Protein backbone atom coordinates (compact mmCIF):
# COMPACT_ATOMS: atom_id res chain seq x y z
CA UNK A 1 -16.19 -14.51 15.49
CA UNK A 2 -19.56 -13.96 13.88
CA UNK A 3 -21.16 -13.52 17.28
CA UNK A 4 -18.60 -10.87 18.26
CA UNK A 5 -19.10 -9.03 14.96
CA UNK A 6 -22.87 -9.00 15.54
CA UNK A 7 -22.43 -7.69 19.08
CA UNK A 8 -20.09 -4.94 17.85
CA UNK A 9 -23.01 -3.53 15.86
CA UNK A 10 -25.45 -4.04 18.75
CA UNK A 11 -27.13 -7.17 17.43
CA UNK A 12 -27.73 -9.64 20.28
CA UNK A 13 -28.13 -13.27 19.17
CA UNK A 14 -30.47 -15.53 21.12
CA UNK A 15 -32.01 -18.97 20.76
CA UNK A 16 -30.21 -22.24 20.08
CA UNK A 17 -26.85 -22.30 18.31
CA UNK A 18 -25.20 -24.95 16.18
CA UNK A 19 -21.52 -24.29 15.53
CA UNK A 20 -20.10 -26.48 12.77
CA UNK A 21 -16.50 -26.37 14.03
CA UNK A 22 -17.47 -27.21 17.62
CA UNK A 23 -19.75 -30.04 16.49
CA UNK A 24 -16.91 -31.50 14.42
CA UNK A 25 -14.56 -31.05 17.41
CA UNK A 26 -16.87 -32.99 19.72
CA UNK A 27 -17.05 -35.80 17.15
CA UNK A 28 -13.41 -35.77 16.03
CA UNK A 29 -11.32 -34.07 18.77
CA UNK A 30 -7.96 -34.99 17.26
CA UNK A 31 -8.61 -33.50 13.80
CA UNK A 32 -8.52 -29.90 12.53
CA UNK A 33 -11.87 -28.14 12.43
CA UNK A 34 -11.64 -25.51 9.71
CA UNK A 35 -14.53 -25.33 7.25
CA UNK A 36 -12.38 -26.48 4.32
CA UNK A 37 -11.48 -29.78 6.00
CA UNK A 38 -15.02 -30.43 7.26
CA UNK A 39 -16.53 -29.68 3.84
CA UNK A 40 -14.05 -31.99 2.16
CA UNK A 41 -14.54 -34.90 4.59
CA UNK A 42 -18.34 -34.63 4.92
CA UNK A 43 -19.46 -33.30 1.52
CA UNK A 44 -16.45 -33.97 -0.75
CA UNK A 45 -16.42 -30.24 -1.58
CA UNK A 46 -12.98 -28.71 -2.10
CA UNK A 47 -13.16 -25.12 -0.86
CA UNK A 48 -9.49 -24.68 -1.68
CA UNK A 49 -9.88 -25.42 -5.36
CA UNK A 50 -8.17 -22.49 -7.11
CA UNK A 51 -10.89 -22.40 -9.78
CA UNK A 52 -13.68 -21.84 -7.27
CA UNK A 53 -14.98 -18.62 -5.83
CA UNK A 54 -14.28 -19.96 -2.32
CA UNK A 55 -10.53 -19.66 -2.77
CA UNK A 56 -10.02 -16.50 -0.76
CA UNK A 57 -6.26 -16.93 -0.33
CA UNK A 58 -5.51 -15.42 -3.76
CA UNK A 59 -7.23 -12.13 -2.98
CA UNK A 60 -7.18 -9.09 -0.75
CA UNK A 61 -10.81 -9.45 0.29
CA UNK A 62 -11.28 -5.71 0.90
CA UNK A 63 -10.47 -4.92 -2.76
CA UNK A 64 -13.13 -7.23 -4.16
CA UNK A 65 -16.53 -6.03 -5.36
CA UNK A 66 -19.56 -6.25 -3.09
CA UNK A 67 -21.11 -8.69 -5.57
CA UNK A 68 -18.06 -11.00 -5.41
CA UNK A 69 -17.96 -10.83 -1.60
CA UNK A 70 -21.68 -11.62 -1.43
CA UNK A 71 -21.28 -14.70 -3.68
CA UNK A 72 -18.24 -15.86 -1.74
CA UNK A 73 -20.02 -15.52 1.62
CA UNK A 74 -23.27 -17.09 0.43
CA UNK A 75 -21.45 -20.11 -1.04
CA UNK A 76 -19.78 -20.77 2.31
CA UNK A 77 -23.05 -20.23 4.15
CA UNK A 78 -24.60 -22.84 1.83
CA UNK A 79 -21.85 -25.34 2.71
CA UNK A 80 -22.41 -24.69 6.42
CA UNK A 81 -26.16 -25.25 5.97
CA UNK A 82 -25.49 -28.55 4.18
CA UNK A 83 -23.15 -29.67 6.97
CA UNK A 84 -25.65 -29.03 9.75
CA UNK A 85 -27.90 -32.13 9.30
CA UNK A 86 -24.90 -34.39 8.67
CA UNK A 87 -23.10 -33.37 11.86
CA UNK A 88 -26.33 -33.25 13.85
CA UNK A 89 -27.14 -36.85 12.88
CA UNK A 90 -23.61 -37.94 13.75
CA UNK A 91 -23.87 -36.31 17.19
CA UNK A 92 -27.07 -38.30 17.77
CA UNK A 93 -25.49 -41.52 16.55
CA UNK A 94 -22.38 -41.15 18.72
CA UNK A 95 -24.45 -40.15 21.80
CA UNK A 96 -22.66 -36.78 21.96
CA UNK A 97 -25.72 -34.54 21.56
CA UNK A 98 -26.08 -33.79 25.28
CA UNK A 99 -22.44 -32.74 25.58
CA UNK A 100 -22.80 -30.51 22.52
CA UNK A 101 -26.16 -28.94 23.39
CA UNK A 102 -25.84 -28.64 27.18
CA UNK A 103 -22.16 -27.74 27.56
CA UNK A 104 -20.40 -26.65 24.38
CA UNK A 105 -23.12 -24.50 22.80
CA UNK A 106 -24.15 -22.59 25.96
CA UNK A 107 -20.44 -22.02 26.61
CA UNK A 108 -20.06 -20.37 23.19
CA UNK A 109 -21.98 -17.29 24.33
CA UNK A 110 -20.15 -17.16 27.66
CA UNK A 111 -16.74 -17.18 25.94
CA UNK A 112 -17.87 -14.53 23.48
CA UNK A 113 -18.83 -12.20 26.36
CA UNK A 114 -15.51 -12.86 28.13
CA UNK A 115 -13.49 -12.09 25.00
CA UNK A 116 -15.38 -8.84 24.44
CA UNK A 117 -14.92 -7.82 28.09
CA UNK A 118 -11.13 -8.27 28.24
CA UNK A 119 -8.90 -7.34 31.19
CA UNK A 120 -6.83 -4.36 32.30
CA UNK A 121 -3.04 -4.43 32.26
CA UNK A 122 -0.46 -2.53 34.33
CA UNK A 123 1.86 -1.41 31.53
CA UNK A 124 4.25 0.51 33.80
CA UNK A 125 4.83 -2.56 35.95
CA UNK A 126 5.70 -4.60 32.85
CA UNK A 127 8.09 -1.92 31.53
CA UNK A 128 10.01 -1.93 34.82
CA UNK A 129 9.97 -5.72 34.93
CA UNK A 130 11.32 -5.89 31.38
CA UNK A 131 14.36 -3.85 32.44
CA UNK A 132 14.87 -6.14 35.43
CA UNK A 133 14.60 -9.34 33.38
CA UNK A 134 16.91 -8.06 30.64
CA UNK A 135 19.48 -7.30 33.32
CA UNK A 136 19.15 -10.88 34.64
CA UNK A 137 19.43 -12.16 31.06
CA UNK A 138 22.71 -10.31 30.54
CA UNK A 139 24.12 -11.67 33.79
CA UNK A 140 23.10 -15.19 32.77
CA UNK A 141 24.72 -14.79 29.36
CA UNK A 142 28.01 -13.70 30.96
CA UNK A 143 27.94 -16.65 33.34
CA UNK A 144 27.19 -19.15 30.54
CA UNK A 145 30.00 -17.77 28.39
CA UNK A 146 32.33 -17.85 31.39
CA UNK A 147 31.46 -21.45 32.32
CA UNK A 148 31.79 -22.64 28.72
CA UNK A 149 34.92 -20.54 28.19
CA UNK A 150 33.60 -19.35 24.83
CA UNK A 151 31.39 -16.69 23.26
CA UNK A 152 28.40 -18.06 21.33
CA UNK A 153 24.73 -17.44 20.58
CA UNK A 154 22.95 -19.13 23.51
CA UNK A 155 19.62 -18.88 21.67
CA UNK A 156 20.96 -21.00 18.80
CA UNK A 157 20.23 -24.72 19.45
CA UNK A 158 22.98 -25.65 16.95
CA UNK A 159 25.67 -23.57 18.64
CA UNK A 160 24.51 -24.55 22.12
CA UNK A 161 24.62 -28.26 21.22
CA UNK A 162 28.14 -27.94 19.84
CA UNK A 163 29.34 -26.17 23.00
CA UNK A 164 27.73 -28.63 25.42
CA UNK A 165 28.49 -31.88 23.60
CA UNK A 166 31.62 -31.22 21.54
CA UNK A 167 33.53 -28.56 23.48
CA UNK A 168 32.45 -29.49 27.01
CA UNK A 169 31.73 -33.21 26.38
CA UNK A 170 28.93 -33.35 28.94
CA UNK A 171 27.55 -36.61 27.51
CA UNK A 172 29.35 -39.47 25.80
CA UNK A 173 26.58 -40.26 23.30
CA UNK A 174 24.38 -37.17 23.03
CA UNK A 175 20.93 -37.43 21.51
CA UNK A 176 20.52 -35.91 18.02
CA UNK A 177 17.51 -34.51 16.19
CA UNK A 178 16.29 -35.72 12.80
CA UNK A 179 18.31 -32.97 11.12
CA UNK A 180 21.51 -34.30 12.69
CA UNK A 181 21.91 -31.49 15.25
CA UNK A 182 22.47 -32.21 18.92
CA UNK A 183 19.19 -32.09 20.86
CA UNK A 184 19.04 -29.22 23.33
CA UNK A 185 15.33 -29.55 24.09
CA UNK A 186 13.93 -28.79 27.54
CA UNK A 187 13.61 -32.52 28.21
CA UNK A 188 17.24 -33.14 27.22
CA UNK A 189 18.57 -30.31 29.40
CA UNK A 190 16.44 -31.34 32.40
CA UNK A 191 18.08 -34.78 32.27
CA UNK A 192 21.50 -33.08 32.36
CA UNK A 193 20.79 -31.15 35.55
CA UNK A 194 23.51 -31.94 38.06
CA UNK A 195 26.07 -32.78 35.36
CA UNK A 196 27.37 -29.20 35.24
CA UNK A 197 26.18 -25.91 36.74
CA UNK A 198 25.96 -24.38 33.24
CA UNK A 199 22.71 -26.33 32.66
CA UNK A 200 20.87 -24.41 35.40
CA UNK A 201 21.97 -21.10 33.88
CA UNK A 202 20.87 -22.18 30.39
CA UNK A 203 17.44 -23.28 31.63
CA UNK A 204 17.11 -20.00 33.51
CA UNK A 205 18.20 -18.06 30.42
CA UNK A 206 15.50 -19.78 28.37
CA UNK A 207 12.81 -19.13 30.96
CA UNK A 208 13.62 -15.40 31.03
CA UNK A 209 13.71 -15.17 27.22
CA UNK A 210 10.35 -16.92 26.96
CA UNK A 211 8.70 -14.71 29.58
CA UNK A 212 10.00 -11.58 27.88
CA UNK A 213 8.94 -12.58 24.38
CA UNK A 214 5.60 -14.16 25.32
CA UNK A 215 4.38 -11.87 28.08
CA UNK A 216 6.46 -9.03 29.49
CA UNK A 217 7.32 -7.32 26.17
CA UNK A 218 4.46 -8.83 24.15
CA UNK A 219 1.41 -8.03 26.30
CA UNK A 220 1.55 -4.22 25.98
CA UNK A 221 1.70 -4.64 22.18
CA UNK A 222 -1.72 -6.33 22.03
CA UNK A 223 -3.71 -3.86 24.11
CA UNK A 224 -6.80 -2.84 22.13
CA UNK A 225 -6.59 0.86 21.16
CA UNK A 226 -10.29 1.51 21.84
CA UNK A 227 -10.79 -0.37 25.11
CA UNK A 228 -7.22 -0.16 26.48
CA UNK A 229 -7.65 -3.77 27.59
CA UNK A 230 -6.30 -7.14 26.51
CA UNK A 231 -8.82 -9.39 24.75
CA UNK A 232 -7.57 -12.96 24.61
CA UNK A 233 -9.22 -15.42 22.19
CA UNK A 234 -10.44 -18.66 23.72
CA UNK A 235 -10.11 -21.75 21.54
CA UNK A 236 -13.04 -24.06 22.14
CA UNK A 237 -12.08 -26.64 19.51
CA UNK A 238 -8.33 -27.19 19.80
CA UNK A 239 -7.30 -29.25 22.84
CA UNK A 240 -8.38 -32.87 22.33
CA UNK A 241 -8.81 -33.27 26.10
CA UNK A 242 -11.76 -30.86 26.14
CA UNK A 243 -9.80 -28.09 27.83
CA UNK A 244 -9.97 -24.53 26.57
CA UNK A 245 -6.85 -22.91 25.22
CA UNK A 246 -6.20 -19.23 24.52
CA UNK A 247 -4.12 -17.12 22.14
CA UNK A 248 -2.92 -13.51 22.05
CA UNK A 249 -2.07 -13.95 24.84
CA UNK A 250 -1.81 -17.62 25.75
CA UNK A 251 -2.85 -17.44 29.39
CA UNK A 252 -2.65 -21.17 30.06
CA UNK A 253 1.14 -21.31 30.26
CA UNK A 254 2.01 -18.51 32.69
CA UNK A 255 4.12 -20.27 35.36
CA UNK A 256 2.12 -19.82 38.55
CA UNK A 257 4.54 -21.17 41.13
CA UNK A 258 7.63 -19.17 40.18
CA UNK A 259 8.41 -15.64 41.36
CA UNK A 260 8.65 -14.50 37.75
CA UNK A 261 5.29 -15.96 36.84
CA UNK A 262 3.76 -14.33 39.90
CA UNK A 263 5.12 -10.96 38.79
CA UNK A 264 3.35 -11.37 35.44
CA UNK A 265 0.08 -12.16 37.21
CA UNK A 266 0.56 -8.97 39.19
CA UNK A 267 0.32 -7.02 35.92
CA UNK A 268 -3.27 -8.17 35.32
CA UNK A 269 -5.34 -5.62 37.22
CA UNK A 270 -8.97 -4.78 37.95
CA UNK A 271 -10.74 -2.03 36.03
CA UNK A 272 -10.84 1.30 37.84
CA UNK A 273 -13.03 1.19 40.94
CA UNK A 274 -13.41 -2.59 40.70
CA UNK A 275 -11.48 -5.47 42.26
CA UNK A 276 -10.57 -8.96 40.99
CA UNK A 277 -11.85 -12.26 42.33
CA UNK A 278 -10.04 -15.52 41.51
CA UNK A 279 -11.74 -18.86 42.14
CA UNK A 280 -10.16 -22.24 41.52
CA UNK A 281 -10.92 -25.86 42.17
CA UNK A 282 -8.72 -27.56 44.76
CA UNK A 283 -7.15 -30.79 43.47
CA UNK A 284 -10.07 -31.43 41.13
CA UNK A 285 -8.31 -34.11 39.07
CA UNK A 286 -7.41 -36.13 42.17
CA UNK A 287 -11.00 -35.82 43.37
CA UNK A 288 -12.20 -37.11 40.01
CA UNK A 289 -9.71 -39.99 40.22
CA UNK A 290 -11.09 -40.86 43.66
CA UNK A 291 -14.65 -40.71 42.32
CA UNK A 292 -13.97 -42.77 39.18
CA UNK A 293 -11.84 -45.41 40.89
CA UNK A 294 -13.95 -45.47 44.08
CA UNK A 295 -10.79 -46.24 46.02
CA UNK A 296 -11.81 -46.24 49.68
CA UNK A 297 -8.54 -44.74 50.93
CA UNK A 298 -8.86 -41.75 48.62
CA UNK A 299 -12.59 -41.37 49.24
CA UNK A 300 -12.08 -41.39 53.02
CA UNK A 301 -9.33 -38.75 52.85
CA UNK A 302 -11.38 -36.36 50.70
CA UNK A 303 -14.68 -36.95 52.48
CA UNK A 304 -13.08 -36.40 55.90
CA UNK A 305 -11.24 -33.27 54.82
CA UNK A 306 -7.79 -34.83 55.30
CA UNK A 307 -4.90 -33.50 53.22
CA UNK A 308 -4.64 -36.08 50.43
CA UNK A 309 -0.87 -35.79 50.06
CA UNK A 310 -0.26 -36.31 53.77
CA UNK A 311 -2.72 -39.21 53.80
CA UNK A 312 -0.93 -40.78 50.84
CA UNK A 313 2.47 -40.29 52.46
CA UNK A 314 1.28 -41.90 55.70
CA UNK A 315 0.09 -44.97 53.81
CA UNK A 316 3.07 -45.27 51.47
CA UNK A 317 5.69 -44.73 54.19
CA UNK A 318 3.63 -46.64 56.78
CA UNK A 319 3.71 -43.94 59.46
CA UNK A 320 1.04 -42.04 61.38
CA UNK A 321 -0.17 -38.95 59.53
CA UNK A 322 1.29 -36.76 62.30
CA UNK A 323 4.73 -38.16 61.51
CA UNK A 324 4.64 -37.19 57.82
CA UNK A 325 7.36 -34.63 57.13
CA UNK A 326 7.71 -32.18 54.25
CA UNK A 327 9.92 -34.53 52.19
CA UNK A 328 7.47 -37.41 52.52
CA UNK A 329 4.51 -35.19 51.60
CA UNK A 330 6.36 -33.77 48.59
CA UNK A 331 7.15 -37.26 47.30
CA UNK A 332 3.54 -38.35 47.85
CA UNK A 333 2.30 -35.27 45.99
CA UNK A 334 4.51 -36.18 43.01
CA UNK A 335 3.10 -39.72 43.08
CA UNK A 336 -0.52 -38.55 43.37
CA UNK A 337 -0.33 -36.23 40.39
CA UNK A 338 2.10 -38.45 38.49
CA UNK A 339 -0.19 -41.48 38.68
CA UNK A 340 -2.86 -39.54 36.77
CA UNK A 341 -0.38 -39.03 33.93
CA UNK A 342 1.00 -42.58 34.03
CA UNK A 343 4.34 -41.67 35.59
CA UNK A 344 7.10 -44.27 35.49
CA UNK A 345 9.64 -45.11 38.18
CA UNK A 346 12.23 -43.24 36.11
CA UNK A 347 9.96 -40.18 35.79
CA UNK A 348 9.30 -40.11 39.54
CA UNK A 349 13.00 -40.51 40.32
CA UNK A 350 13.73 -37.49 38.10
CA UNK A 351 10.96 -35.44 39.74
CA UNK A 352 11.93 -35.95 43.36
CA UNK A 353 15.64 -36.74 43.07
CA UNK A 354 15.76 -40.33 44.31
CA UNK A 355 17.00 -43.55 42.77
CA UNK A 356 14.91 -45.49 40.28
CA UNK A 357 14.68 -48.47 42.64
CA UNK A 358 13.33 -46.24 45.43
CA UNK A 359 10.80 -44.74 43.01
CA UNK A 360 9.72 -48.19 41.89
CA UNK A 361 9.23 -49.20 45.51
CA UNK A 362 7.14 -46.08 46.27
CA UNK A 363 4.88 -46.67 43.25
CA UNK A 364 4.42 -50.35 44.16
CA UNK A 365 3.61 -49.35 47.74
CA UNK A 366 1.14 -46.75 46.44
CA UNK A 367 -0.78 -49.34 44.42
CA UNK A 368 -0.75 -51.71 47.36
CA UNK A 369 -2.35 -49.04 49.57
CA UNK A 370 -4.73 -47.75 46.86
CA UNK A 371 -5.64 -50.97 45.00
CA UNK A 372 -8.80 -49.58 43.36
CA UNK A 373 -6.71 -46.90 41.62
CA UNK A 374 -4.64 -49.64 39.96
CA UNK A 375 -7.83 -51.51 39.05
CA UNK A 376 -9.29 -48.33 37.52
CA UNK A 377 -6.14 -47.74 35.47
CA UNK A 378 -6.07 -51.33 34.18
CA UNK A 379 -9.80 -51.21 33.38
CA UNK A 380 -9.42 -47.88 31.53
CA UNK A 381 -6.70 -49.36 29.35
CA UNK A 382 -8.75 -52.50 28.68
CA UNK A 383 -11.83 -50.44 27.73
CA UNK A 384 -9.70 -48.37 25.41
CA UNK A 385 -8.32 -51.52 23.77
CA UNK A 386 -11.86 -52.82 23.23
CA UNK A 387 -13.42 -49.56 21.97
CA UNK A 388 -10.40 -47.53 20.78
CA UNK A 389 -11.76 -44.57 22.76
CA UNK A 390 -12.37 -43.48 26.35
CA UNK A 391 -15.03 -41.12 27.74
CA UNK A 392 -15.48 -38.48 30.43
CA UNK A 393 -18.40 -38.56 32.86
CA UNK A 394 -20.24 -36.34 30.37
CA UNK A 395 -19.64 -38.48 27.29
CA UNK A 396 -16.72 -36.54 25.81
CA UNK A 397 -14.68 -39.04 23.82
CA UNK A 398 -10.95 -39.26 23.24
CA UNK A 399 -10.12 -41.63 20.39
CA UNK A 400 -6.96 -43.71 20.84
CA UNK A 401 -6.15 -45.36 17.53
CA UNK A 402 -2.69 -46.43 18.75
CA UNK A 403 -3.95 -48.31 21.81
CA UNK A 404 -3.50 -51.66 20.01
CA UNK A 405 -0.41 -50.63 18.07
CA UNK A 406 2.51 -53.03 17.75
CA UNK A 407 4.81 -50.06 18.34
CA UNK A 408 5.50 -50.14 22.09
CA UNK A 409 6.20 -46.39 22.39
CA UNK A 410 2.98 -45.41 20.59
CA UNK A 411 0.97 -47.97 22.53
CA UNK A 412 2.37 -46.75 25.88
CA UNK A 413 1.46 -43.14 25.04
CA UNK A 414 -2.10 -44.22 24.18
CA UNK A 415 -2.32 -46.16 27.46
CA UNK A 416 -1.32 -43.05 29.42
CA UNK A 417 -4.04 -41.12 27.59
CA UNK A 418 -6.54 -43.86 28.37
CA UNK A 419 -5.93 -43.22 32.07
CA UNK A 420 -5.65 -39.45 31.94
CA UNK A 421 -8.19 -38.34 29.30
CA UNK A 422 -11.33 -39.26 31.29
CA UNK A 423 -9.95 -37.42 34.33
CA UNK A 424 -8.65 -34.29 32.62
CA UNK A 425 -11.64 -34.21 30.28
CA UNK A 426 -14.13 -34.52 33.14
CA UNK A 427 -12.38 -31.64 34.94
CA UNK A 428 -12.70 -29.57 31.75
CA UNK A 429 -16.39 -30.42 31.46
CA UNK A 430 -17.07 -29.54 35.10
CA UNK A 431 -15.56 -26.05 34.93
CA UNK A 432 -17.42 -25.39 31.66
CA UNK A 433 -20.70 -26.27 33.40
CA UNK A 434 -19.76 -23.98 36.29
CA UNK A 435 -18.98 -21.12 33.87
CA UNK A 436 -22.38 -21.44 32.18
CA UNK A 437 -24.22 -21.49 35.52
CA UNK A 438 -22.25 -18.52 36.90
CA UNK A 439 -22.85 -16.46 33.75
CA UNK A 440 -26.59 -17.19 33.92
CA UNK A 441 -26.80 -16.15 37.59
CA UNK A 442 -24.78 -12.97 37.06
CA UNK A 443 -27.22 -12.08 34.29
CA UNK A 444 -30.27 -13.01 36.36
CA UNK A 445 -29.06 -10.87 39.30
CA UNK A 446 -28.28 -8.01 36.87
CA UNK A 447 -24.78 -7.61 38.35
CA UNK A 448 -22.22 -5.26 36.85
CA UNK A 449 -19.47 -7.75 37.71
CA UNK A 450 -18.09 -9.82 34.82
CA UNK A 451 -16.39 -13.18 34.34
CA UNK A 452 -13.28 -12.32 32.32
CA UNK A 453 -10.80 -15.22 32.24
CA UNK A 454 -10.60 -19.00 32.49
CA UNK A 455 -7.25 -20.70 33.07
CA UNK A 456 -7.73 -24.47 33.38
CA UNK A 457 -9.26 -24.92 36.87
CA UNK A 458 -9.40 -21.19 37.70
CA UNK A 459 -11.85 -18.39 36.90
CA UNK A 460 -11.20 -14.66 37.16
CA UNK A 461 -13.81 -11.93 37.64
CA UNK A 462 -13.93 -8.13 37.48
CA UNK A 463 -15.97 -7.27 40.57
CA UNK A 464 -18.09 -4.14 40.81
CA UNK A 465 -18.23 -2.20 44.11
CA UNK A 466 -20.58 -3.75 46.72
CA UNK A 467 -21.04 -6.92 44.65
CA UNK A 468 -18.21 -8.98 46.14
CA UNK A 469 -20.26 -10.96 48.66
CA UNK A 470 -23.10 -11.88 46.31
CA UNK A 471 -20.66 -12.79 43.53
CA UNK A 472 -18.58 -15.00 45.83
CA UNK A 473 -21.76 -16.75 46.90
CA UNK A 474 -22.78 -17.34 43.27
CA UNK A 475 -19.30 -18.57 42.30
CA UNK A 476 -19.06 -21.01 45.20
CA UNK A 477 -22.57 -22.37 44.73
CA UNK A 478 -22.14 -22.92 40.98
CA UNK A 479 -18.63 -24.38 41.12
CA UNK A 480 -19.33 -26.72 44.04
CA UNK A 481 -22.58 -27.98 42.50
CA UNK A 482 -21.34 -28.27 38.92
CA UNK A 483 -21.00 -32.03 39.34
CA UNK A 484 -22.06 -34.74 41.79
CA UNK A 485 -18.93 -36.75 42.51
CA UNK A 486 -18.31 -39.30 45.25
CA UNK A 487 -16.31 -36.60 47.05
CA UNK A 488 -16.99 -32.87 47.56
CA UNK A 489 -15.65 -30.27 45.14
CA UNK A 490 -13.71 -27.62 47.06
CA UNK A 491 -13.30 -24.08 45.71
CA UNK A 492 -10.72 -21.54 46.88
CA UNK A 493 -11.77 -17.91 46.40
CA UNK A 494 -9.59 -14.80 46.81
CA UNK A 495 -9.95 -11.09 46.10
CA UNK A 496 -7.47 -8.32 45.36
CA UNK A 497 -6.51 -5.44 43.11
CA UNK A 498 -4.55 -7.71 40.76
CA UNK A 499 -4.49 -11.36 39.75
CA UNK A 500 -1.60 -12.20 42.10
CA UNK A 501 -3.36 -10.71 45.13
CA UNK A 502 -6.63 -12.43 44.22
CA UNK A 503 -4.96 -15.80 43.66
C-alpha cells in the first residue's frame, strides 16, 4: 500500500525492502500478519489498547488534527522499526532469509506494478451476459420448485434443507450443522448427485448465483473511475501454501473449464491497440512430483515428451499406450492429480463414477507401477512427524502441528498437507521467480508491454504493438528456466484480444 501511495505522487522507491508482514508470513504462514498481532507477539505491545494513540478504530482518521495523525503514524513506524531486527534474526535462524530476500521482496515491487496497471473490462459483454444468466436462473428456479412441488427460497440453506430432507426424504439420516440445520453444503449436495435430478438443478442454480454476484454483476462496480480499469489486490501473505491470492476481484476462483467461466474470461480485454498474451505452466505440480520422488516411470514420460495421463493409464490398466481410450486416460488423470492431494479410494470413486473397490484397485495398481511416488509420500509424512513441518525446494516451510495428533481426522489432514505442501509450494515459488525475471527483462528491454495478472500457474500480459515476438521469447525463457527440475518445465503461450482467446 505504501509503495502504491508513493508511486501515485511520482516517488519511485528503490534499494532493498523489508516488509514486516511478509517476513512474519514466511516465518509463520498459518498465522495472521497484521501489525497489531505481530507487535503483540514479538514486542508485547498492544496496539489495540483503547487508551493508546494507536487505537484508530474509534476515530474517523480524516477528522483528526495533523499533529494527532503525525503522532499516530510515527508511533506505528517506531513499532515497525523495532520489529525489523527481531524478524530479520528469526529469518536467519530458520534459514528462510534466501526465500525472503530473493523471492518475496523482489516480488513485492512486481505485484505493486501489476496492481497499478490493472486490466480492461468489456462492460457491455457482461451486461448482456447478466441478462442471459438471470434468465437461466429463473428457469432453474421454476424447475426446482416444480420438482420439489413447493415454492421456497432456494438461496436459504434452512429452507432448502427442510425441502430436501423432510419433504422429499432424499436421505434417511441427513447430516446436520452445529446449529442443528440440515447441511446443504457443496460437498453434501455433490454426494447426493444421482439420488434425484433436483440436485443438479440446485448445484447449477448456485453456480449461476455465485457467478452473477462475484463477477458478472460485481466487476463493473469496481472499475476505477480515473483509469477505467479493474485493479485487483494481490495478497502476498495469506495462503499458507505460498500461493498468491487476490481480492476485488478474486481472480483465482473463476471456473476455467466451464462455458460460463470462459464467458467471464472473455470480458477481460486488452487495452486499445494492444493484445493479450496468456502463458501457463503445463502440469507443473506433476512435474514437481516426478522431480521430488524421482520415480523413473514419471521421469521417463516427462523427459520423452509422452502424455503423462496416457502413460499412467497404460501402466495402471496394463495395455499399450496406443490402446488407452478416453475413459482410461480420464481415470488416470484423476489419479495423477488426486495422488498429489492424498485422494482416497472413496474420493476417486466419487470423481470418476466407479465403485470404491475399483478405485482401491486402481490406486494400488498406480503405486505398484510408480513405487517411488509411494516412497516419497511415506517419507514426506515421516519427515513431517519428525520435524512438524515440511519444506519446498526453496525452503518455504509449512508447519503441521497436527501431524502427531491423536485425533485421526486432524492427523490425516496434516498427512495430506505433508504430501501436497512441498509440491504446491514449490510451484508457487517457481512462478514467483519467473515473474521477477520477466519483469526485470521487460524493464531492461524498455518494452511498453506489461505483466498484469497472475492466476496460480498462469500469467497475463498487455502486449504493445510489434512487441509480441520479443515478449513471448522473454516469457518462455524466464518461465522455462525459473527452476532446474529433473524434468523440463513446459510453457503454453497464446495471444488474443481477450483472456479467453489468449488462453
